[in-house]
Amino acid sequence: MDEKNVIDALGALAQSTRLQTFRLLVSREPEGMAAGEIAKALDVPQNTMSAHLSTLSQAGLVLAERQGRSIIYRADLDGLRAVTLFLLKDCCGGNSQICAPIIAELTPCCAPGANTKTC
């Protein structure tokens, strides 16, 4: 991941509907959602949603896969990981005590082996 890619990704997320769309898709992993479902969930016209999904896709944050007559959109978690790692690569000059709270916040409650009833 280079600086231009990170700027593109952050720029794509710097708009309310696209940020809401990305967060919705993250919450729907791994099954994803059709564009029409996303538009309905966020109360956005379908043609507008298509433009937002295109922007997110070009920024490396959303994947699209044709399933029959529908296109299913999913959050590109590898893209998100690359952006996050770019931002935190030199976190705190290697001082793990300073970085520990950030890393703890990034650890999801539903990590492998966690009790999913508490998530």
N, C-alpha and C. Protein backbone atom coordinates (compact mmCIF):
# COMPACT_ATOMS: atom_id res chain seq x y z
N MET A 1 0.86 -1.17 0.00
CA MET A 1 0.00 0.00 0.00
C MET A 1 0.90 1.23 0.00
N ASP A 2 0.60 2.16 -0.88
CA ASP A 2 1.38 3.38 -0.92
C ASP A 2 0.51 4.57 -0.52
N GLU A 3 1.14 5.71 -0.39
CA GLU A 3 0.45 6.91 0.08
C GLU A 3 -0.75 7.28 -0.80
N LYS A 4 -0.62 7.16 -2.12
CA LYS A 4 -1.71 7.51 -3.03
C LYS A 4 -2.93 6.62 -2.78
N ASN A 5 -2.70 5.32 -2.61
CA ASN A 5 -3.80 4.40 -2.35
C ASN A 5 -4.51 4.73 -1.03
N VAL A 6 -3.73 5.07 -0.03
CA VAL A 6 -4.32 5.42 1.27
C VAL A 6 -5.13 6.71 1.15
N ILE A 7 -4.60 7.69 0.43
CA ILE A 7 -5.34 8.94 0.23
C ILE A 7 -6.64 8.67 -0.51
N ASP A 8 -6.60 7.82 -1.53
CA ASP A 8 -7.82 7.47 -2.26
C ASP A 8 -8.84 6.81 -1.34
N ALA A 9 -8.39 5.88 -0.51
CA ALA A 9 -9.30 5.17 0.40
C ALA A 9 -9.89 6.13 1.42
N LEU A 10 -9.06 6.94 2.03
CA LEU A 10 -9.57 7.88 3.02
C LEU A 10 -10.48 8.92 2.38
N GLY A 11 -10.15 9.34 1.16
CA GLY A 11 -11.01 10.28 0.43
C GLY A 11 -12.37 9.67 0.13
N ALA A 12 -12.39 8.39 -0.22
CA ALA A 12 -13.66 7.71 -0.50
C ALA A 12 -14.51 7.64 0.76
N LEU A 13 -13.89 7.46 1.90
CA LEU A 13 -14.62 7.36 3.15
C LEU A 13 -14.99 8.73 3.74
N ALA A 14 -14.47 9.79 3.15
CA ALA A 14 -14.70 11.15 3.67
C ALA A 14 -16.01 11.73 3.16
N GLN A 15 -16.99 10.89 2.95
CA GLN A 15 -18.32 11.32 2.52
C GLN A 15 -19.31 10.45 3.29
N SER A 16 -20.32 11.05 3.84
CA SER A 16 -21.21 10.38 4.78
C SER A 16 -21.84 9.10 4.24
N THR A 17 -22.42 9.14 3.05
CA THR A 17 -23.10 7.97 2.50
C THR A 17 -22.11 6.84 2.25
N ARG A 18 -20.94 7.18 1.75
CA ARG A 18 -19.94 6.13 1.49
C ARG A 18 -19.43 5.53 2.79
N LEU A 19 -19.23 6.36 3.80
CA LEU A 19 -18.80 5.84 5.10
C LEU A 19 -19.87 4.93 5.68
N GLN A 20 -21.13 5.34 5.62
CA GLN A 20 -22.24 4.50 6.10
C GLN A 20 -22.32 3.20 5.32
N THR A 21 -22.11 3.28 4.01
CA THR A 21 -22.15 2.10 3.15
C THR A 21 -21.05 1.12 3.55
N PHE A 22 -19.84 1.63 3.72
CA PHE A 22 -18.73 0.77 4.08
C PHE A 22 -18.97 0.11 5.43
N ARG A 23 -19.41 0.88 6.40
CA ARG A 23 -19.67 0.32 7.73
C ARG A 23 -20.79 -0.73 7.67
N LEU A 24 -21.81 -0.48 6.87
CA LEU A 24 -22.89 -1.47 6.71
C LEU A 24 -22.33 -2.75 6.11
N LEU A 25 -21.51 -2.62 5.08
CA LEU A 25 -20.95 -3.82 4.44
C LEU A 25 -20.02 -4.58 5.39
N VAL A 26 -19.27 -3.87 6.22
CA VAL A 26 -18.43 -4.54 7.21
C VAL A 26 -19.31 -5.35 8.16
N SER A 27 -20.44 -4.79 8.54
CA SER A 27 -21.34 -5.49 9.47
C SER A 27 -22.01 -6.70 8.82
N ARG A 28 -22.02 -6.74 7.51
CA ARG A 28 -22.67 -7.84 6.78
C ARG A 28 -21.68 -8.86 6.23
N GLU A 29 -20.45 -8.81 6.69
CA GLU A 29 -19.47 -9.80 6.27
C GLU A 29 -19.82 -11.15 6.87
N PRO A 30 -19.64 -12.25 6.18
CA PRO A 30 -19.03 -12.37 4.86
C PRO A 30 -20.04 -12.42 3.72
N GLU A 31 -21.34 -12.39 4.02
CA GLU A 31 -22.33 -12.59 2.95
C GLU A 31 -22.48 -11.42 2.00
N GLY A 32 -22.25 -10.18 2.46
CA GLY A 32 -22.39 -9.02 1.59
C GLY A 32 -23.84 -8.67 1.34
N MET A 33 -24.06 -7.72 0.44
CA MET A 33 -25.41 -7.24 0.14
C MET A 33 -25.48 -6.81 -1.31
N ALA A 34 -26.67 -6.91 -1.88
CA ALA A 34 -26.92 -6.39 -3.23
C ALA A 34 -27.05 -4.87 -3.15
N ALA A 35 -26.74 -4.20 -4.24
CA ALA A 35 -26.78 -2.74 -4.28
C ALA A 35 -28.15 -2.21 -3.89
N GLY A 36 -29.20 -2.84 -4.36
CA GLY A 36 -30.56 -2.40 -4.04
C GLY A 36 -30.85 -2.50 -2.55
N GLU A 37 -30.37 -3.55 -1.91
CA GLU A 37 -30.54 -3.70 -0.46
C GLU A 37 -29.81 -2.60 0.30
N ILE A 38 -28.61 -2.30 -0.16
CA ILE A 38 -27.82 -1.25 0.49
C ILE A 38 -28.53 0.09 0.35
N ALA A 39 -28.98 0.38 -0.87
CA ALA A 39 -29.68 1.65 -1.12
C ALA A 39 -30.92 1.76 -0.25
N LYS A 40 -31.66 0.68 -0.14
CA LYS A 40 -32.88 0.70 0.69
C LYS A 40 -32.53 0.88 2.16
N ALA A 41 -31.52 0.17 2.64
CA ALA A 41 -31.13 0.25 4.05
C ALA A 41 -30.68 1.66 4.44
N LEU A 42 -30.06 2.36 3.49
CA LEU A 42 -29.55 3.70 3.78
C LEU A 42 -30.45 4.81 3.22
N ASP A 43 -31.56 4.42 2.62
CA ASP A 43 -32.52 5.38 2.05
C ASP A 43 -31.84 6.32 1.05
N VAL A 44 -31.16 5.70 0.08
CA VAL A 44 -30.44 6.42 -0.96
C VAL A 44 -30.95 5.92 -2.32
N PRO A 45 -31.16 6.79 -3.30
CA PRO A 45 -31.58 6.32 -4.63
C PRO A 45 -30.56 5.33 -5.20
N GLN A 46 -31.06 4.33 -5.94
CA GLN A 46 -30.18 3.27 -6.43
C GLN A 46 -29.08 3.80 -7.35
N ASN A 47 -29.39 4.76 -8.21
CA ASN A 47 -28.35 5.27 -9.11
C ASN A 47 -27.25 6.01 -8.32
N THR A 48 -27.65 6.71 -7.27
CA THR A 48 -26.68 7.37 -6.40
C THR A 48 -25.83 6.34 -5.67
N MET A 49 -26.47 5.28 -5.19
CA MET A 49 -25.74 4.22 -4.48
C MET A 49 -24.74 3.56 -5.41
N SER A 50 -25.10 3.35 -6.66
CA SER A 50 -24.17 2.75 -7.62
C SER A 50 -22.91 3.60 -7.77
N ALA A 51 -23.08 4.91 -7.81
CA ALA A 51 -21.93 5.81 -7.92
C ALA A 51 -21.05 5.71 -6.67
N HIS A 52 -21.68 5.66 -5.50
CA HIS A 52 -20.91 5.54 -4.26
C HIS A 52 -20.17 4.21 -4.20
N LEU A 53 -20.82 3.13 -4.60
CA LEU A 53 -20.17 1.82 -4.60
C LEU A 53 -19.00 1.79 -5.57
N SER A 54 -19.15 2.46 -6.69
CA SER A 54 -18.05 2.54 -7.66
C SER A 54 -16.85 3.26 -7.06
N THR A 55 -17.10 4.36 -6.37
CA THR A 55 -16.02 5.11 -5.73
C THR A 55 -15.31 4.25 -4.69
N LEU A 56 -16.08 3.54 -3.87
CA LEU A 56 -15.49 2.67 -2.85
C LEU A 56 -14.71 1.53 -3.48
N SER A 57 -15.22 1.01 -4.57
CA SER A 57 -14.54 -0.08 -5.27
C SER A 57 -13.21 0.39 -5.86
N GLN A 58 -13.23 1.55 -6.50
CA GLN A 58 -12.01 2.11 -7.09
C GLN A 58 -10.97 2.42 -6.02
N ALA A 59 -11.42 2.72 -4.81
CA ALA A 59 -10.52 3.02 -3.71
C ALA A 59 -10.00 1.76 -3.02
N GLY A 60 -10.45 0.59 -3.47
CA GLY A 60 -9.97 -0.67 -2.90
C GLY A 60 -10.62 -1.05 -1.59
N LEU A 61 -11.84 -0.53 -1.35
CA LEU A 61 -12.52 -0.81 -0.09
C LEU A 61 -13.74 -1.72 -0.24
N VAL A 62 -14.19 -1.94 -1.48
CA VAL A 62 -15.38 -2.75 -1.73
C VAL A 62 -15.10 -3.70 -2.88
N LEU A 63 -15.59 -4.92 -2.74
CA LEU A 63 -15.50 -5.94 -3.79
C LEU A 63 -16.90 -6.21 -4.32
N ALA A 64 -17.00 -6.49 -5.61
CA ALA A 64 -18.28 -6.82 -6.23
C ALA A 64 -18.18 -8.19 -6.89
N GLU A 65 -19.22 -8.99 -6.69
CA GLU A 65 -19.24 -10.33 -7.26
C GLU A 65 -20.63 -10.61 -7.82
N ARG A 66 -20.68 -11.01 -9.08
CA ARG A 66 -21.97 -11.33 -9.69
C ARG A 66 -22.45 -12.68 -9.18
N GLN A 67 -23.69 -12.70 -8.71
CA GLN A 67 -24.35 -13.93 -8.29
C GLN A 67 -25.70 -13.97 -8.99
N GLY A 68 -25.74 -14.72 -10.08
CA GLY A 68 -26.96 -14.77 -10.88
C GLY A 68 -27.20 -13.41 -11.51
N ARG A 69 -28.37 -12.84 -11.25
CA ARG A 69 -28.72 -11.54 -11.82
C ARG A 69 -28.31 -10.38 -10.92
N SER A 70 -27.82 -10.69 -9.74
CA SER A 70 -27.46 -9.65 -8.78
C SER A 70 -25.94 -9.48 -8.69
N ILE A 71 -25.54 -8.31 -8.28
CA ILE A 71 -24.14 -8.07 -7.93
C ILE A 71 -24.11 -7.88 -6.42
N ILE A 72 -23.33 -8.72 -5.77
CA ILE A 72 -23.22 -8.67 -4.32
C ILE A 72 -21.95 -7.89 -3.97
N TYR A 73 -22.12 -6.92 -3.10
CA TYR A 73 -21.01 -6.08 -2.66
C TYR A 73 -20.58 -6.50 -1.27
N ARG A 74 -19.27 -6.51 -1.07
CA ARG A 74 -18.69 -6.87 0.22
C ARG A 74 -17.60 -5.88 0.56
N ALA A 75 -17.38 -5.67 1.83
CA ALA A 75 -16.26 -4.85 2.27
C ALA A 75 -14.98 -5.60 1.95
N ASP A 76 -14.01 -4.89 1.40
CA ASP A 76 -12.70 -5.49 1.14
C ASP A 76 -11.87 -5.32 2.40
N LEU A 77 -11.94 -6.32 3.26
CA LEU A 77 -11.25 -6.23 4.55
C LEU A 77 -9.73 -6.24 4.39
N ASP A 78 -9.24 -6.84 3.31
CA ASP A 78 -7.80 -6.77 3.05
C ASP A 78 -7.39 -5.33 2.72
N GLY A 79 -8.23 -4.63 1.97
CA GLY A 79 -7.96 -3.22 1.68
C GLY A 79 -7.98 -2.38 2.94
N LEU A 80 -8.97 -2.62 3.80
CA LEU A 80 -9.04 -1.90 5.07
C LEU A 80 -7.82 -2.19 5.93
N ARG A 81 -7.41 -3.45 5.97
CA ARG A 81 -6.23 -3.82 6.75
C ARG A 81 -4.99 -3.11 6.23
N ALA A 82 -4.85 -3.03 4.91
CA ALA A 82 -3.68 -2.37 4.32
C ALA A 82 -3.65 -0.89 4.68
N VAL A 83 -4.80 -0.22 4.63
CA VAL A 83 -4.87 1.20 5.01
C VAL A 83 -4.52 1.36 6.48
N THR A 84 -5.10 0.53 7.32
CA THR A 84 -4.85 0.62 8.76
C THR A 84 -3.38 0.37 9.08
N LEU A 85 -2.80 -0.64 8.45
CA LEU A 85 -1.38 -0.93 8.69
C LEU A 85 -0.48 0.20 8.20
N PHE A 86 -0.84 0.81 7.08
CA PHE A 86 -0.07 1.95 6.58
C PHE A 86 -0.09 3.08 7.61
N LEU A 87 -1.26 3.34 8.19
CA LEU A 87 -1.39 4.43 9.15
C LEU A 87 -0.66 4.13 10.46
N LEU A 88 -0.62 2.86 10.85
CA LEU A 88 -0.06 2.49 12.15
C LEU A 88 1.32 1.85 12.07
N LYS A 89 1.87 1.75 10.89
CA LYS A 89 3.13 1.02 10.67
C LYS A 89 4.22 1.46 11.64
N ASP A 90 4.39 2.73 11.83
CA ASP A 90 5.46 3.23 12.70
C ASP A 90 4.89 3.78 14.00
N CYS A 91 3.80 3.17 14.44
CA CYS A 91 3.08 3.65 15.62
C CYS A 91 3.99 3.81 16.83
N CYS A 92 4.00 5.00 17.35
CA CYS A 92 4.62 5.29 18.64
C CYS A 92 6.10 4.95 18.69
N GLY A 93 6.76 4.96 17.57
CA GLY A 93 8.19 4.69 17.54
C GLY A 93 8.57 3.32 18.07
N GLY A 94 7.65 2.37 17.95
CA GLY A 94 7.92 1.02 18.42
C GLY A 94 7.67 0.80 19.90
N ASN A 95 7.17 1.79 20.59
CA ASN A 95 6.88 1.67 22.02
C ASN A 95 5.53 0.97 22.18
N SER A 96 5.56 -0.30 22.49
CA SER A 96 4.34 -1.11 22.54
C SER A 96 3.37 -0.66 23.62
N GLN A 97 3.86 -0.05 24.69
CA GLN A 97 2.96 0.41 25.74
C GLN A 97 2.05 1.54 25.26
N ILE A 98 2.57 2.39 24.39
CA ILE A 98 1.76 3.48 23.85
C ILE A 98 0.76 2.94 22.83
N CYS A 99 1.17 1.96 22.05
CA CYS A 99 0.32 1.40 20.99
C CYS A 99 -0.72 0.42 21.52
N ALA A 100 -0.52 -0.15 22.68
CA ALA A 100 -1.41 -1.19 23.21
C ALA A 100 -2.88 -0.78 23.23
N PRO A 101 -3.25 0.42 23.66
CA PRO A 101 -4.67 0.78 23.67
C PRO A 101 -5.28 0.83 22.25
N ILE A 102 -4.49 1.28 21.29
CA ILE A 102 -4.99 1.31 19.90
C ILE A 102 -5.24 -0.11 19.41
N ILE A 103 -4.29 -0.98 19.65
CA ILE A 103 -4.42 -2.37 19.21
C ILE A 103 -5.58 -3.05 19.91
N ALA A 104 -5.76 -2.78 21.19
CA ALA A 104 -6.88 -3.36 21.94
C ALA A 104 -8.22 -2.91 21.35
N GLU A 105 -8.32 -1.66 20.95
CA GLU A 105 -9.56 -1.15 20.36
C GLU A 105 -9.83 -1.78 18.99
N LEU A 106 -8.77 -2.15 18.29
CA LEU A 106 -8.92 -2.77 16.98
C LEU A 106 -9.28 -4.25 17.05
N THR A 107 -9.13 -4.84 18.22
CA THR A 107 -9.44 -6.26 18.39
C THR A 107 -10.95 -6.40 18.54
N PRO A 108 -11.60 -7.06 17.60
CA PRO A 108 -13.06 -7.18 17.67
C PRO A 108 -13.50 -8.09 18.82
N CYS A 109 -14.69 -7.83 19.30
CA CYS A 109 -15.22 -8.66 20.38
C CYS A 109 -15.50 -10.07 19.88
N CYS A 110 -15.65 -10.23 18.61
CA CYS A 110 -15.97 -11.54 18.05
C CYS A 110 -14.74 -12.16 17.39
N ALA A 111 -13.62 -12.03 18.02
CA ALA A 111 -12.39 -12.64 17.52
C ALA A 111 -12.57 -14.16 17.53
N PRO A 112 -11.80 -14.86 16.70
CA PRO A 112 -11.90 -16.32 16.70
C PRO A 112 -11.78 -16.88 18.11
N GLY A 113 -12.72 -17.72 18.47
CA GLY A 113 -12.71 -18.33 19.78
C GLY A 113 -13.46 -17.55 20.84
N ALA A 114 -13.90 -16.33 20.50
CA ALA A 114 -14.64 -15.51 21.48
C ALA A 114 -16.06 -16.02 21.62
N ASN A 115 -16.68 -15.71 22.73
CA ASN A 115 -18.08 -16.07 22.95
C ASN A 115 -18.96 -15.13 22.15
N THR A 116 -19.54 -15.61 21.05
CA THR A 116 -20.31 -14.75 20.16
C THR A 116 -21.61 -14.25 20.79
N LYS A 117 -22.04 -14.84 21.90
CA LYS A 117 -23.25 -14.38 22.57
C LYS A 117 -23.03 -13.04 23.26
N THR A 118 -21.77 -12.70 23.53
CA THR A 118 -21.49 -11.42 24.20
C THR A 118 -21.14 -10.33 23.21
N CYS A 119 -21.10 -10.62 21.94
CA CYS A 119 -20.72 -9.62 20.93
C CYS A 119 -21.89 -8.75 20.53
